[in-house]
């Protein structure tokens, strides 16, 4: 299995932290963003690359800016 890039690992950690801080489950975040809950889990484990479109949807669902997810 390929080791995820540093940036993907950082994004995964940040997404997990932001979701948990808001008290939102992966399932709820998926519903709010219009993506499947398993996709959220895969992102949080750095198993999947994210598209900019999905990053925007997830940021909106969390009520944050895209850059908050990557800074």
C-alpha atoms as a PDB file:
ATOM      1  CA  UNK A   1       0.000   0.000   0.000  1.00  0.00           C
ATOM      2  CA  UNK A   2       1.270   3.456  -0.924  1.00  0.00           C
ATOM      3  CA  UNK A   3       2.071   5.806   1.977  1.00  0.00           C
ATOM      4  CA  UNK A   4      -0.071   8.970   1.817  1.00  0.00           C
ATOM      5  CA  UNK A   5       1.694  12.262   1.156  1.00  0.00           C
ATOM      6  CA  UNK A   6       2.434  14.636   4.015  1.00  0.00           C
ATOM      7  CA  UNK A   7      -0.139  17.145   2.773  1.00  0.00           C
ATOM      8  CA  UNK A   8      -2.824  14.454   2.566  1.00  0.00           C
ATOM      9  CA  UNK A   9      -2.021  13.316   6.106  1.00  0.00           C
ATOM     10  CA  UNK A  10      -2.190  16.907   7.365  1.00  0.00           C
ATOM     11  CA  UNK A  11      -5.521  17.480   5.626  1.00  0.00           C
ATOM     12  CA  UNK A  12      -6.896  14.255   7.111  1.00  0.00           C
ATOM     13  CA  UNK A  13      -5.861  15.258  10.625  1.00  0.00           C
ATOM     14  CA  UNK A  14      -7.278  18.757  10.247  1.00  0.00           C
ATOM     15  CA  UNK A  15     -10.585  17.480   8.886  1.00  0.00           C
ATOM     16  CA  UNK A  16     -10.940  14.991  11.747  1.00  0.00           C
ATOM     17  CA  UNK A  17     -10.114  17.673  14.339  1.00  0.00           C
ATOM     18  CA  UNK A  18     -12.542  20.216  12.899  1.00  0.00           C
ATOM     19  CA  UNK A  19     -15.369  17.712  12.582  1.00  0.00           C
ATOM     20  CA  UNK A  20     -14.851  16.443  16.137  1.00  0.00           C
ATOM     21  CA  UNK A  21     -14.612  19.992  17.538  1.00  0.00           C
ATOM     22  CA  UNK A  22     -18.038  20.729  16.075  1.00  0.00           C
ATOM     23  CA  UNK A  23     -19.453  17.497  17.480  1.00  0.00           C
ATOM     24  CA  UNK A  24     -20.486  16.226  14.054  1.00  0.00           C
ATOM     25  CA  UNK A  25     -20.351  12.532  13.162  1.00  0.00           C
ATOM     26  CA  UNK A  26     -18.871  11.359   9.890  1.00  0.00           C
ATOM     27  CA  UNK A  27     -22.366  10.369   8.830  1.00  0.00           C
ATOM     28  CA  UNK A  28     -23.799  13.812   9.614  1.00  0.00           C
ATOM     29  CA  UNK A  29     -20.942  15.612   7.854  1.00  0.00           C
ATOM     30  CA  UNK A  30     -21.422  13.400   4.813  1.00  0.00           C
ATOM     31  CA  UNK A  31     -25.127  14.239   4.731  1.00  0.00           C
ATOM     32  CA  UNK A  32     -24.468  17.973   5.119  1.00  0.00           C
ATOM     33  CA  UNK A  33     -21.828  17.932   2.373  1.00  0.00           C
ATOM     34  CA  UNK A  34     -23.716  15.603   0.029  1.00  0.00           C
ATOM     35  CA  UNK A  35     -21.105  12.843   0.125  1.00  0.00           C
ATOM     36  CA  UNK A  36     -21.176   9.333   1.553  1.00  0.00           C
ATOM     37  CA  UNK A  37     -20.110   8.827   5.168  1.00  0.00           C
ATOM     38  CA  UNK A  38     -17.518   6.277   4.110  1.00  0.00           C
ATOM     39  CA  UNK A  39     -15.906   8.937   1.906  1.00  0.00           C
ATOM     40  CA  UNK A  40     -15.465  11.160   4.968  1.00  0.00           C
ATOM     41  CA  UNK A  41     -13.837   8.256   6.818  1.00  0.00           C
ATOM     42  CA  UNK A  42     -11.510   7.553   3.918  1.00  0.00           C
ATOM     43  CA  UNK A  43     -10.493  11.214   3.831  1.00  0.00           C
ATOM     44  CA  UNK A  44      -9.854  11.243   7.579  1.00  0.00           C
ATOM     45  CA  UNK A  45      -7.621   8.181   7.248  1.00  0.00           C
ATOM     46  CA  UNK A  46      -5.779   9.784   4.293  1.00  0.00           C
ATOM     47  CA  UNK A  47      -6.837   6.889   2.075  1.00  0.00           C
ATOM     48  CA  UNK A  48      -8.425   9.055  -0.611  1.00  0.00           C
ATOM     49  CA  UNK A  49      -7.465  12.229  -2.421  1.00  0.00           C
ATOM     50  CA  UNK A  50     -10.080  14.953  -2.363  1.00  0.00           C
ATOM     51  CA  UNK A  51     -11.228  17.092  -5.271  1.00  0.00           C
ATOM     52  CA  UNK A  52     -11.488  20.850  -4.888  1.00  0.00           C
ATOM     53  CA  UNK A  53     -15.230  20.606  -5.424  1.00  0.00           C
ATOM     54  CA  UNK A  54     -15.656  18.169  -2.553  1.00  0.00           C
ATOM     55  CA  UNK A  55     -13.303  20.213  -0.399  1.00  0.00           C
ATOM     56  CA  UNK A  56     -15.563  23.215  -0.952  1.00  0.00           C
ATOM     57  CA  UNK A  57     -18.673  21.192  -0.074  1.00  0.00           C
ATOM     58  CA  UNK A  58     -17.093  19.867   3.122  1.00  0.00           C
ATOM     59  CA  UNK A  59     -15.817  23.307   4.136  1.00  0.00           C
ATOM     60  CA  UNK A  60     -19.311  24.758   3.685  1.00  0.00           C
ATOM     61  CA  UNK A  61     -20.827  21.900   5.667  1.00  0.00           C
ATOM     62  CA  UNK A  62     -18.380  22.615   8.513  1.00  0.00           C
ATOM     63  CA  UNK A  63     -18.954  26.377   8.241  1.00  0.00           C
ATOM     64  CA  UNK A  64     -15.277  27.097   7.555  1.00  0.00           C
ATOM     65  CA  UNK A  65     -13.174  28.395   4.673  1.00  0.00           C
ATOM     66  CA  UNK A  66     -11.325  25.932   2.447  1.00  0.00           C
ATOM     67  CA  UNK A  67      -8.029  27.328   3.625  1.00  0.00           C
ATOM     68  CA  UNK A  68      -8.959  26.475   7.219  1.00  0.00           C
ATOM     69  CA  UNK A  69      -8.878  22.829   6.168  1.00  0.00           C
ATOM     70  CA  UNK A  70      -5.421  23.059   4.673  1.00  0.00           C
ATOM     71  CA  UNK A  71      -3.601  25.574   6.904  1.00  0.00           C
END
